[in-house]
Amino acid sequence: MLKKTLTAVAIATLALSAQAADVLKVAATAVPHAEILNFIKPQLKADGIELQVKEFSDYVQPNAAVEDKQLDANFFQHQPYLDSYNKDRKTSLVQVPNGKVHVEPFGAYSKKIKHLKDLKDGATVAIPNDPSNGGRALLLLAKQGLIELKDPKNLTSTALDVVKNPKKLKFRELEAPLLPRALADVDLALINTNYAIEAKLNPTKDALFIENADSPYTNIVAARKDRADGADIAKLMKALHSPDTKKFIEEKYKGAVVPAF
């Protein structure tokens, strides 16, 4: 009887261990990343993975949580931001195999003007204060002919790299989540699409100008090097790249988020 009891306990312990091993914890910003991850939960459950989505409101903590092994992976950033983060924080997070998911075309918004031609000399323009997204904003402004950069191919250009500024625009650098709230205080704001959507802005309708489909800023899934090749991560990417997920993205975001697979 005792032997049977011990065997039953051992089996139960193994079952619990297996269940724990099948839990995949992924960090994400709320829109659209967490929404997409929550959509694929049933797909992953059918594939033996319990997906736990941990939402964050900034761009630093999702990487820190993965680096510190609190979470397994994250889904919120593009490669230029990850490169910048790794360089600044001395970390070595990587894009997982086949890690590209979607593009969020970056746009310019205003509550003070309806057309770009109405932007006055000396206008205040808000841009993200992190190197990759700040550079992204300046590149978009340069494509509109508003400024000229020292190196048009440098993805991490700063305001110091502006060599021509005919309208004498004044740049105000803010944390990316704060940009929508600053719209009332500036003439123009360059806003990441996830934060624009959260603020009830429609990138395809409300943006004065927006990136086109050849943007290099594809959003990716990232992890530590020791986790990137895990079988559970591969199942995550399989679900993220499924036809059902592609249809969900296209129908829900209507061009504000574009599948990259």
C-alpha atoms as a PDB file:
ATOM      1  CA  MET A   1       0.000   0.000   0.000  1.00  0.00           C
ATOM      2  CA  LEU A   2       2.828   2.358   0.972  1.00  0.00           C
ATOM      3  CA  LYS A   3       4.607   1.552  -2.284  1.00  0.00           C
ATOM      4  CA  LYS A   4       1.471   2.382  -4.275  1.00  0.00           C
ATOM      5  CA  THR A   5       1.070   5.647  -2.375  1.00  0.00           C
ATOM      6  CA  LEU A   6       4.667   6.665  -3.064  1.00  0.00           C
ATOM      7  CA  THR A   7       4.248   5.793  -6.728  1.00  0.00           C
ATOM      8  CA  ALA A   8       1.109   7.911  -6.926  1.00  0.00           C
ATOM      9  CA  VAL A   9       2.916  10.828  -5.273  1.00  0.00           C
ATOM     10  CA  ALA A  10       5.825  10.466  -7.685  1.00  0.00           C
ATOM     11  CA  ILE A  11       3.495  10.477 -10.683  1.00  0.00           C
ATOM     12  CA  ALA A  12       1.657  13.530  -9.362  1.00  0.00           C
ATOM     13  CA  THR A  13       4.966  15.326  -8.796  1.00  0.00           C
ATOM     14  CA  LEU A  14       6.107  14.553 -12.328  1.00  0.00           C
ATOM     15  CA  ALA A  15       2.768  15.760 -13.693  1.00  0.00           C
ATOM     16  CA  LEU A  16       3.077  19.029 -11.820  1.00  0.00           C
ATOM     17  CA  SER A  17       6.650  19.465 -13.034  1.00  0.00           C
ATOM     18  CA  ALA A  18       5.571  18.863 -16.609  1.00  0.00           C
ATOM     19  CA  GLN A  19       2.781  21.364 -16.224  1.00  0.00           C
ATOM     20  CA  ALA A  20       5.189  23.999 -14.860  1.00  0.00           C
ATOM     21  CA  ALA A  21       7.592  23.378 -17.758  1.00  0.00           C
ATOM     22  CA  ASP A  22       4.774  24.109 -20.211  1.00  0.00           C
ATOM     23  CA  VAL A  23       4.115  27.596 -18.838  1.00  0.00           C
ATOM     24  CA  LEU A  24       5.486  30.342 -21.085  1.00  0.00           C
ATOM     25  CA  LYS A  25       5.671  33.839 -19.595  1.00  0.00           C
ATOM     26  CA  VAL A  26       5.841  36.671 -22.127  1.00  0.00           C
ATOM     27  CA  ALA A  27       6.096  40.412 -21.459  1.00  0.00           C
ATOM     28  CA  ALA A  28       4.194  42.803 -23.715  1.00  0.00           C
ATOM     29  CA  THR A  29       2.836  46.316 -23.982  1.00  0.00           C
ATOM     30  CA  ALA A  30      -0.954  46.399 -23.931  1.00  0.00           C
ATOM     31  CA  VAL A  31      -1.794  47.375 -27.521  1.00  0.00           C
ATOM     32  CA  PRO A  32      -1.432  45.616 -29.871  1.00  0.00           C
ATOM     33  CA  HIS A  33       1.086  43.129 -28.463  1.00  0.00           C
ATOM     34  CA  ALA A  34      -0.827  41.792 -25.458  1.00  0.00           C
ATOM     35  CA  GLU A  35      -4.028  41.703 -27.520  1.00  0.00           C
ATOM     36  CA  ILE A  36      -2.326  39.567 -30.165  1.00  0.00           C
ATOM     37  CA  LEU A  37      -0.806  37.279 -27.542  1.00  0.00           C
ATOM     38  CA  ASN A  38      -4.154  36.825 -25.806  1.00  0.00           C
ATOM     39  CA  PHE A  39      -5.683  35.941 -29.174  1.00  0.00           C
ATOM     40  CA  ILE A  40      -3.240  33.063 -29.694  1.00  0.00           C
ATOM     41  CA  LYS A  41      -3.664  31.573 -26.206  1.00  0.00           C
ATOM     42  CA  PRO A  42      -6.126  28.901 -27.436  1.00  0.00           C
ATOM     43  CA  GLN A  43      -3.763  27.943 -30.275  1.00  0.00           C
ATOM     44  CA  LEU A  44      -0.909  27.476 -27.822  1.00  0.00           C
ATOM     45  CA  LYS A  45      -3.064  25.627 -25.304  1.00  0.00           C
ATOM     46  CA  ALA A  46      -3.918  23.113 -28.006  1.00  0.00           C
ATOM     47  CA  ASP A  47      -0.170  22.774 -28.583  1.00  0.00           C
ATOM     48  CA  GLY A  48       0.530  22.079 -24.901  1.00  0.00           C
ATOM     49  CA  ILE A  49       1.631  25.572 -23.863  1.00  0.00           C
ATOM     50  CA  GLU A  50       0.026  27.720 -21.171  1.00  0.00           C
ATOM     51  CA  LEU A  51       0.775  31.292 -22.230  1.00  0.00           C
ATOM     52  CA  GLN A  52       0.906  33.897 -19.464  1.00  0.00           C
ATOM     53  CA  VAL A  53       0.957  37.490 -20.719  1.00  0.00           C
ATOM     54  CA  LYS A  54       2.495  40.121 -18.434  1.00  0.00           C
ATOM     55  CA  GLU A  55       1.601  43.671 -19.477  1.00  0.00           C
ATOM     56  CA  PHE A  56       3.960  46.641 -19.112  1.00  0.00           C
ATOM     57  CA  SER A  57       3.422  50.331 -19.868  1.00  0.00           C
ATOM     58  CA  ASP A  58       7.017  51.250 -20.737  1.00  0.00           C
ATOM     59  CA  TYR A  59       9.865  50.046 -22.957  1.00  0.00           C
ATOM     60  CA  VAL A  60      12.477  49.279 -20.287  1.00  0.00           C
ATOM     61  CA  GLN A  61      10.910  46.842 -17.841  1.00  0.00           C
ATOM     62  CA  PRO A  62       9.906  44.183 -20.417  1.00  0.00           C
ATOM     63  CA  ASN A  63      13.571  43.715 -21.336  1.00  0.00           C
ATOM     64  CA  ALA A  64      14.762  43.917 -17.732  1.00  0.00           C
ATOM     65  CA  ALA A  65      12.288  41.214 -16.673  1.00  0.00           C
ATOM     66  CA  VAL A  66      13.522  38.862 -19.397  1.00  0.00           C
ATOM     67  CA  GLU A  67      17.187  39.585 -18.694  1.00  0.00           C
ATOM     68  CA  ASP A  68      16.607  38.885 -14.979  1.00  0.00           C
ATOM     69  CA  LYS A  69      14.912  35.545 -15.833  1.00  0.00           C
ATOM     70  CA  GLN A  70      11.594  36.635 -14.346  1.00  0.00           C
ATOM     71  CA  LEU A  71       9.984  36.073 -17.757  1.00  0.00           C
ATOM     72  CA  ASP A  72      10.831  33.906 -20.758  1.00  0.00           C
ATOM     73  CA  ALA A  73      10.437  36.334 -23.664  1.00  0.00           C
ATOM     74  CA  ASN A  74       8.938  39.657 -24.663  1.00  0.00           C
ATOM     75  CA  PHE A  75       6.993  41.108 -27.542  1.00  0.00           C
ATOM     76  CA  PHE A  76       6.921  44.899 -27.795  1.00  0.00           C
ATOM     77  CA  GLN A  77       9.994  46.240 -29.589  1.00  0.00           C
ATOM     78  CA  HIS A  78      11.785  46.453 -32.916  1.00  0.00           C
ATOM     79  CA  GLN A  79      15.373  45.404 -33.605  1.00  0.00           C
ATOM     80  CA  PRO A  80      16.892  48.929 -33.550  1.00  0.00           C
ATOM     81  CA  TYR A  81      15.463  49.483 -30.072  1.00  0.00           C
ATOM     82  CA  LEU A  82      16.744  46.093 -28.876  1.00  0.00           C
ATOM     83  CA  ASP A  83      20.211  46.877 -30.270  1.00  0.00           C
ATOM     84  CA  SER A  84      20.213  50.226 -28.484  1.00  0.00           C
ATOM     85  CA  TYR A  85      19.000  48.665 -25.223  1.00  0.00           C
ATOM     86  CA  ASN A  86      21.671  45.963 -25.314  1.00  0.00           C
ATOM     87  CA  LYS A  87      24.375  48.537 -25.961  1.00  0.00           C
ATOM     88  CA  ASP A  88      23.264  50.884 -23.179  1.00  0.00           C
ATOM     89  CA  ARG A  89      22.523  48.202 -20.565  1.00  0.00           C
ATOM     90  CA  LYS A  90      25.342  45.780 -21.430  1.00  0.00           C
ATOM     91  CA  THR A  91      22.799  43.022 -22.054  1.00  0.00           C
ATOM     92  CA  SER A  92      22.662  40.406 -24.793  1.00  0.00           C
ATOM     93  CA  LEU A  93      18.994  39.739 -25.526  1.00  0.00           C
ATOM     94  CA  VAL A  94      18.324  38.427 -29.037  1.00  0.00           C
ATOM     95  CA  GLN A  95      15.550  38.158 -31.554  1.00  0.00           C
ATOM     96  CA  VAL A  96      14.227  34.596 -31.479  1.00  0.00           C
ATOM     97  CA  PRO A  97      14.351  32.521 -34.703  1.00  0.00           C
ATOM     98  CA  ASN A  98      11.747  33.769 -37.195  1.00  0.00           C
ATOM     99  CA  GLY A  99      10.948  36.413 -34.590  1.00  0.00           C
ATOM    100  CA  LYS A 100       9.415  39.108 -36.814  1.00  0.00           C
ATOM    101  CA  VAL A 101       5.674  39.639 -36.338  1.00  0.00           C
ATOM    102  CA  HIS A 102       4.349  43.001 -37.484  1.00  0.00           C
ATOM    103  CA  VAL A 103       5.069  46.605 -38.381  1.00  0.00           C
ATOM    104  CA  GLU A 104       3.393  49.518 -36.613  1.00  0.00           C
ATOM    105  CA  PRO A 105       3.758  52.447 -39.029  1.00  0.00           C
ATOM    106  CA  PHE A 106       5.097  55.390 -36.993  1.00  0.00           C
ATOM    107  CA  GLY A 107       3.100  58.594 -37.399  1.00  0.00           C
ATOM    108  CA  ALA A 108       2.936  62.334 -36.685  1.00  0.00           C
ATOM    109  CA  TYR A 109      -0.112  63.774 -34.898  1.00  0.00           C
ATOM    110  CA  SER A 110      -1.375  67.207 -33.946  1.00  0.00           C
ATOM    111  CA  LYS A 111      -4.304  68.845 -32.195  1.00  0.00           C
ATOM    112  CA  LYS A 112      -3.348  72.267 -33.533  1.00  0.00           C
ATOM    113  CA  ILE A 113      -3.053  71.758 -37.276  1.00  0.00           C
ATOM    114  CA  LYS A 114      -4.900  69.649 -39.831  1.00  0.00           C
ATOM    115  CA  HIS A 115      -2.303  69.697 -42.601  1.00  0.00           C
ATOM    116  CA  LEU A 116       1.488  69.654 -42.617  1.00  0.00           C
ATOM    117  CA  LYS A 117       1.588  72.866 -44.671  1.00  0.00           C
ATOM    118  CA  ASP A 118       0.102  74.676 -41.672  1.00  0.00           C
ATOM    119  CA  LEU A 119       3.072  73.888 -39.419  1.00  0.00           C
ATOM    120  CA  LYS A 120       4.492  77.265 -38.412  1.00  0.00           C
ATOM    121  CA  ASP A 121       8.106  78.340 -38.144  1.00  0.00           C
ATOM    122  CA  GLY A 122       9.445  77.761 -34.655  1.00  0.00           C
ATOM    123  CA  ALA A 123       6.886  75.019 -33.961  1.00  0.00           C
ATOM    124  CA  THR A 124       7.517  72.613 -31.081  1.00  0.00           C
ATOM    125  CA  VAL A 125       7.818  68.978 -32.127  1.00  0.00           C
ATOM    126  CA  ALA A 126       7.736  66.182 -29.535  1.00  0.00           C
ATOM    127  CA  ILE A 127       9.732  63.023 -30.241  1.00  0.00           C
ATOM    128  CA  PRO A 128      10.566  59.894 -28.179  1.00  0.00           C
ATOM    129  CA  ASN A 129      13.586  60.274 -25.918  1.00  0.00           C
ATOM    130  CA  ASP A 130      15.071  56.804 -26.504  1.00  0.00           C
ATOM    131  CA  PRO A 131      17.788  56.684 -29.201  1.00  0.00           C
ATOM    132  CA  SER A 132      16.142  54.303 -31.672  1.00  0.00           C
ATOM    133  CA  ASN A 133      12.657  55.817 -31.640  1.00  0.00           C
ATOM    134  CA  GLY A 134      14.007  59.361 -31.473  1.00  0.00           C
ATOM    135  CA  GLY A 135      16.084  58.605 -34.556  1.00  0.00           C
ATOM    136  CA  ARG A 136      13.044  57.034 -36.184  1.00  0.00           C
ATOM    137  CA  ALA A 137      11.065  60.235 -35.623  1.00  0.00           C
ATOM    138  CA  LEU A 138      13.813  62.405 -37.098  1.00  0.00           C
ATOM    139  CA  LEU A 139      14.112  60.157 -40.149  1.00  0.00           C
ATOM    140  CA  LEU A 140      10.385  60.504 -40.750  1.00  0.00           C
ATOM    141  CA  LEU A 141      10.598  64.295 -40.414  1.00  0.00           C
ATOM    142  CA  ALA A 142      13.494  64.287 -42.871  1.00  0.00           C
ATOM    143  CA  LYS A 143      11.474  62.262 -45.390  1.00  0.00           C
ATOM    144  CA  GLN A 144       8.843  65.006 -45.243  1.00  0.00           C
ATOM    145  CA  GLY A 145      11.504  67.615 -46.074  1.00  0.00           C
ATOM    146  CA  LEU A 146      11.135  69.361 -42.712  1.00  0.00           C
ATOM    147  CA  ILE A 147      14.758  68.782 -41.694  1.00  0.00           C
ATOM    148  CA  GLU A 148      17.984  67.390 -43.116  1.00  0.00           C
ATOM    149  CA  LEU A 149      20.166  64.943 -41.204  1.00  0.00           C
ATOM    150  CA  LYS A 150      23.923  64.507 -41.278  1.00  0.00           C
ATOM    151  CA  ASP A 151      23.457  60.828 -42.155  1.00  0.00           C
ATOM    152  CA  PRO A 152      20.000  59.938 -43.529  1.00  0.00           C
ATOM    153  CA  LYS A 153      20.733  56.238 -42.957  1.00  0.00           C
ATOM    154  CA  ASN A 154      21.613  56.536 -39.274  1.00  0.00           C
ATOM    155  CA  LEU A 155      18.745  54.936 -37.339  1.00  0.00           C
ATOM    156  CA  THR A 156      19.852  56.547 -34.078  1.00  0.00           C
ATOM    157  CA  SER A 157      20.256  60.149 -35.211  1.00  0.00           C
ATOM    158  CA  THR A 158      19.608  62.799 -32.556  1.00  0.00           C
ATOM    159  CA  ALA A 159      18.623  66.459 -32.718  1.00  0.00           C
ATOM    160  CA  LEU A 160      22.362  67.233 -32.742  1.00  0.00           C
ATOM    161  CA  ASP A 161      22.564  65.507 -36.149  1.00  0.00           C
ATOM    162  CA  VAL A 162      20.122  67.940 -37.759  1.00  0.00           C
ATOM    163  CA  VAL A 163      22.163  69.981 -40.256  1.00  0.00           C
ATOM    164  CA  LYS A 164      19.286  71.889 -41.848  1.00  0.00           C
ATOM    165  CA  ASN A 165      16.164  73.089 -40.050  1.00  0.00           C
ATOM    166  CA  PRO A 166      14.538  75.726 -42.287  1.00  0.00           C
ATOM    167  CA  LYS A 167      11.435  76.060 -40.088  1.00  0.00           C
ATOM    168  CA  LYS A 168      13.589  76.330 -36.953  1.00  0.00           C
ATOM    169  CA  LEU A 169      11.615  73.538 -35.315  1.00  0.00           C
ATOM    170  CA  LYS A 170      12.126  73.078 -31.580  1.00  0.00           C
ATOM    171  CA  PHE A 171      12.451  69.469 -30.457  1.00  0.00           C
ATOM    172  CA  ARG A 172      11.042  68.273 -27.151  1.00  0.00           C
ATOM    173  CA  GLU A 173      12.144  64.780 -26.107  1.00  0.00           C
ATOM    174  CA  LEU A 174       9.709  62.790 -23.966  1.00  0.00           C
ATOM    175  CA  GLU A 175       9.280  59.192 -22.840  1.00  0.00           C
ATOM    176  CA  ALA A 176       7.295  57.380 -25.518  1.00  0.00           C
ATOM    177  CA  PRO A 177       4.215  56.645 -23.328  1.00  0.00           C
ATOM    178  CA  LEU A 178       3.835  60.365 -22.532  1.00  0.00           C
ATOM    179  CA  LEU A 179       3.705  61.576 -26.131  1.00  0.00           C
ATOM    180  CA  PRO A 180      -0.089  61.303 -26.647  1.00  0.00           C
ATOM    181  CA  ARG A 181      -0.674  63.353 -23.476  1.00  0.00           C
ATOM    182  CA  ALA A 182       1.656  66.062 -24.779  1.00  0.00           C
ATOM    183  CA  LEU A 183      -0.420  66.720 -27.907  1.00  0.00           C
ATOM    184  CA  ALA A 184      -2.185  69.698 -26.319  1.00  0.00           C
ATOM    185  CA  ASP A 185       1.145  71.315 -25.428  1.00  0.00           C
ATOM    186  CA  VAL A 186       3.081  70.899 -28.671  1.00  0.00           C
ATOM    187  CA  ASP A 187       2.435  71.608 -32.340  1.00  0.00           C
ATOM    188  CA  LEU A 188       3.348  68.117 -33.554  1.00  0.00           C
ATOM    189  CA  ALA A 189       4.160  64.802 -31.885  1.00  0.00           C
ATOM    190  CA  LEU A 190       5.763  61.714 -33.397  1.00  0.00           C
ATOM    191  CA  ILE A 191       4.074  58.795 -31.623  1.00  0.00           C
ATOM    192  CA  ASN A 192       4.653  55.046 -31.611  1.00  0.00           C
ATOM    193  CA  THR A 193       1.549  53.330 -32.947  1.00  0.00           C
ATOM    194  CA  ASN A 194       0.936  51.201 -29.856  1.00  0.00           C
ATOM    195  CA  TYR A 195       0.637  54.329 -27.718  1.00  0.00           C
ATOM    196  CA  ALA A 196      -1.361  56.136 -30.410  1.00  0.00           C
ATOM    197  CA  ILE A 197      -3.922  53.316 -30.483  1.00  0.00           C
ATOM    198  CA  GLU A 198      -4.132  53.291 -26.678  1.00  0.00           C
ATOM    199  CA  ALA A 199      -4.899  57.031 -26.842  1.00  0.00           C
ATOM    200  CA  LYS A 200      -7.773  56.327 -29.285  1.00  0.00           C
ATOM    201  CA  LEU A 201      -5.874  57.790 -32.238  1.00  0.00           C
ATOM    202  CA  ASN A 202      -6.364  56.056 -35.571  1.00  0.00           C
ATOM    203  CA  PRO A 203      -2.985  56.026 -37.352  1.00  0.00           C
ATOM    204  CA  THR A 204      -4.504  55.594 -40.800  1.00  0.00           C
ATOM    205  CA  LYS A 205      -6.926  58.509 -40.304  1.00  0.00           C
ATOM    206  CA  ASP A 206      -5.484  60.840 -37.683  1.00  0.00           C
ATOM    207  CA  ALA A 207      -1.791  60.913 -38.594  1.00  0.00           C
ATOM    208  CA  LEU A 208      -0.672  63.911 -40.661  1.00  0.00           C
ATOM    209  CA  PHE A 209       1.967  61.666 -42.173  1.00  0.00           C
ATOM    210  CA  ILE A 210       3.057  58.105 -41.488  1.00  0.00           C
ATOM    211  CA  GLU A 211       5.725  55.565 -42.422  1.00  0.00           C
ATOM    212  CA  ASN A 212       5.162  53.429 -45.469  1.00  0.00           C
ATOM    213  CA  ALA A 213       5.272  49.636 -45.641  1.00  0.00           C
ATOM    214  CA  ASP A 214       9.064  49.430 -46.122  1.00  0.00           C
ATOM    215  CA  SER A 215       9.733  50.488 -42.536  1.00  0.00           C
ATOM    216  CA  PRO A 216      12.768  48.683 -41.006  1.00  0.00           C
ATOM    217  CA  TYR A 217      11.094  48.759 -37.597  1.00  0.00           C
ATOM    218  CA  THR A 218       9.405  45.357 -37.563  1.00  0.00           C
ATOM    219  CA  ASN A 219       8.216  44.336 -34.093  1.00  0.00           C
ATOM    220  CA  ILE A 220       9.870  41.161 -32.860  1.00  0.00           C
ATOM    221  CA  VAL A 221       9.841  38.552 -30.121  1.00  0.00           C
ATOM    222  CA  ALA A 222      13.029  38.664 -28.037  1.00  0.00           C
ATOM    223  CA  ALA A 223      14.547  36.398 -25.382  1.00  0.00           C
ATOM    224  CA  ARG A 224      17.806  35.527 -23.668  1.00  0.00           C
ATOM    225  CA  LYS A 225      20.224  33.527 -25.778  1.00  0.00           C
ATOM    226  CA  ASP A 226      19.690  30.439 -23.609  1.00  0.00           C
ATOM    227  CA  ARG A 227      15.902  30.565 -24.211  1.00  0.00           C
ATOM    228  CA  ALA A 228      15.670  31.745 -27.806  1.00  0.00           C
ATOM    229  CA  ASP A 229      15.817  28.243 -29.334  1.00  0.00           C
ATOM    230  CA  GLY A 230      13.372  26.628 -26.904  1.00  0.00           C
ATOM    231  CA  ALA A 231      10.652  24.377 -28.263  1.00  0.00           C
ATOM    232  CA  ASP A 232       8.026  26.485 -26.471  1.00  0.00           C
ATOM    233  CA  ILE A 233       9.339  29.650 -28.156  1.00  0.00           C
ATOM    234  CA  ALA A 234       9.107  27.880 -31.523  1.00  0.00           C
ATOM    235  CA  LYS A 235       5.474  27.017 -30.774  1.00  0.00           C
ATOM    236  CA  LEU A 236       4.855  30.661 -29.824  1.00  0.00           C
ATOM    237  CA  MET A 237       6.177  31.842 -33.187  1.00  0.00           C
ATOM    238  CA  LYS A 238       4.183  29.184 -35.021  1.00  0.00           C
ATOM    239  CA  ALA A 239       1.003  30.549 -33.438  1.00  0.00           C
ATOM    240  CA  LEU A 240       1.985  34.180 -34.057  1.00  0.00           C
ATOM    241  CA  HIS A 241       2.617  33.375 -37.736  1.00  0.00           C
ATOM    242  CA  SER A 242      -0.590  31.410 -38.278  1.00  0.00           C
ATOM    243  CA  PRO A 243      -3.175  32.419 -40.914  1.00  0.00           C
ATOM    244  CA  ASP A 244      -5.703  33.024 -38.106  1.00  0.00           C
ATOM    245  CA  THR A 245      -3.360  35.488 -36.389  1.00  0.00           C
ATOM    246  CA  LYS A 246      -2.696  37.292 -39.660  1.00  0.00           C
ATOM    247  CA  LYS A 247      -6.437  37.642 -40.251  1.00  0.00           C
ATOM    248  CA  PHE A 248      -6.948  38.874 -36.668  1.00  0.00           C
ATOM    249  CA  ILE A 249      -4.302  41.600 -37.082  1.00  0.00           C
ATOM    250  CA  GLU A 250      -5.636  42.748 -40.448  1.00  0.00           C
ATOM    251  CA  GLU A 251      -9.284  42.862 -39.333  1.00  0.00           C
ATOM    252  CA  LYS A 252      -8.773  44.361 -35.873  1.00  0.00           C
ATOM    253  CA  TYR A 253      -6.237  47.082 -36.656  1.00  0.00           C
ATOM    254  CA  LYS A 254      -7.226  47.899 -40.242  1.00  0.00           C
ATOM    255  CA  GLY A 255      -3.782  48.994 -41.441  1.00  0.00           C
ATOM    256  CA  ALA A 256      -2.551  50.520 -38.186  1.00  0.00           C
ATOM    257  CA  VAL A 257      -0.689  47.246 -37.575  1.00  0.00           C
ATOM    258  CA  VAL A 258       0.617  45.344 -40.601  1.00  0.00           C
ATOM    259  CA  PRO A 259       1.623  41.634 -40.489  1.00  0.00           C
ATOM    260  CA  ALA A 260       5.267  41.034 -41.422  1.00  0.00           C
ATOM    261  CA  PHE A 261       4.881  37.337 -42.216  1.00  0.00           C
END
